[in-house]
């Protein structure tokens, strides 16, 4: 299965699996780039209503 991202890039199940494996090991996927700065820490939980989450310091 595959999807097309907003910028037209095709995203495949294989790509998602490779990214997942890298992220689970605390690594950034090879040959990928970030479009923003790295924010250290865990993302907020879906049940976390704290206004401080997601706000860069």
C-alpha atoms as a PDB file:
ATOM      1  CA  UNK A   1       0.000   0.000   0.000  1.00  0.00           C
ATOM      2  CA  UNK A   2       1.156   3.562  -0.565  1.00  0.00           C
ATOM      3  CA  UNK A   3       0.021   7.126  -0.016  1.00  0.00           C
ATOM      4  CA  UNK A   4       0.929  10.466  -1.548  1.00  0.00           C
ATOM      5  CA  UNK A   5       2.122  13.188   0.837  1.00  0.00           C
ATOM      6  CA  UNK A   6       1.132  16.863   0.558  1.00  0.00           C
ATOM      7  CA  UNK A   7       4.350  17.583  -1.355  1.00  0.00           C
ATOM      8  CA  UNK A   8       3.715  14.732  -3.817  1.00  0.00           C
ATOM      9  CA  UNK A   9       6.132  12.188  -2.342  1.00  0.00           C
ATOM     10  CA  UNK A  10       4.974   8.580  -2.388  1.00  0.00           C
ATOM     11  CA  UNK A  11       5.005   6.987   1.079  1.00  0.00           C
ATOM     12  CA  UNK A  12       5.060   3.178   1.152  1.00  0.00           C
ATOM     13  CA  UNK A  13       4.473   0.628   3.898  1.00  0.00           C
ATOM     14  CA  UNK A  14       8.153  -0.308   3.622  1.00  0.00           C
ATOM     15  CA  UNK A  15       9.210   3.301   4.280  1.00  0.00           C
ATOM     16  CA  UNK A  16       6.948   3.538   7.317  1.00  0.00           C
ATOM     17  CA  UNK A  17       8.311   0.266   8.679  1.00  0.00           C
ATOM     18  CA  UNK A  18      11.918   1.461   8.192  1.00  0.00           C
ATOM     19  CA  UNK A  19      11.143   4.782   9.926  1.00  0.00           C
ATOM     20  CA  UNK A  20       9.434   2.989  12.817  1.00  0.00           C
ATOM     21  CA  UNK A  21      12.432   0.724  13.353  1.00  0.00           C
ATOM     22  CA  UNK A  22      14.825   3.683  13.357  1.00  0.00           C
ATOM     23  CA  UNK A  23      12.697   5.792  15.718  1.00  0.00           C
ATOM     24  CA  UNK A  24      12.227   2.886  18.129  1.00  0.00           C
ATOM     25  CA  UNK A  25      16.025   2.648  18.377  1.00  0.00           C
ATOM     26  CA  UNK A  26      16.298   6.403  19.018  1.00  0.00           C
ATOM     27  CA  UNK A  27      17.814   7.032  15.599  1.00  0.00           C
ATOM     28  CA  UNK A  28      16.869   9.252  12.667  1.00  0.00           C
ATOM     29  CA  UNK A  29      16.095   7.259   9.504  1.00  0.00           C
ATOM     30  CA  UNK A  30      18.945   7.094   7.009  1.00  0.00           C
ATOM     31  CA  UNK A  31      18.549   9.360   3.960  1.00  0.00           C
ATOM     32  CA  UNK A  32      15.796  11.381   5.630  1.00  0.00           C
ATOM     33  CA  UNK A  33      15.789  14.986   6.757  1.00  0.00           C
ATOM     34  CA  UNK A  34      13.831  17.060   9.212  1.00  0.00           C
ATOM     35  CA  UNK A  35      11.982  20.216   8.263  1.00  0.00           C
ATOM     36  CA  UNK A  36      12.226  21.709  11.741  1.00  0.00           C
ATOM     37  CA  UNK A  37      14.299  21.743  14.856  1.00  0.00           C
ATOM     38  CA  UNK A  38      14.649  18.761  17.117  1.00  0.00           C
ATOM     39  CA  UNK A  39      12.607  19.028  20.307  1.00  0.00           C
ATOM     40  CA  UNK A  40      13.944  16.814  23.064  1.00  0.00           C
ATOM     41  CA  UNK A  41      11.523  14.813  25.191  1.00  0.00           C
ATOM     42  CA  UNK A  42       8.501  12.695  24.655  1.00  0.00           C
ATOM     43  CA  UNK A  43       5.478  13.882  22.728  1.00  0.00           C
ATOM     44  CA  UNK A  44       2.399  14.591  24.824  1.00  0.00           C
ATOM     45  CA  UNK A  45       0.004  11.748  25.528  1.00  0.00           C
ATOM     46  CA  UNK A  46      -3.334  11.989  23.742  1.00  0.00           C
ATOM     47  CA  UNK A  47      -4.993  12.327  27.166  1.00  0.00           C
ATOM     48  CA  UNK A  48      -2.586  15.076  28.334  1.00  0.00           C
ATOM     49  CA  UNK A  49      -4.376  18.453  28.344  1.00  0.00           C
ATOM     50  CA  UNK A  50      -1.371  20.399  29.655  1.00  0.00           C
ATOM     51  CA  UNK A  51      -0.946  23.673  27.703  1.00  0.00           C
ATOM     52  CA  UNK A  52       2.856  23.467  28.002  1.00  0.00           C
ATOM     53  CA  UNK A  53       3.142  20.451  25.683  1.00  0.00           C
ATOM     54  CA  UNK A  54       3.966  21.304  22.109  1.00  0.00           C
ATOM     55  CA  UNK A  55       5.166  24.785  22.972  1.00  0.00           C
ATOM     56  CA  UNK A  56       8.879  25.252  22.198  1.00  0.00           C
ATOM     57  CA  UNK A  57      10.861  26.880  24.986  1.00  0.00           C
END
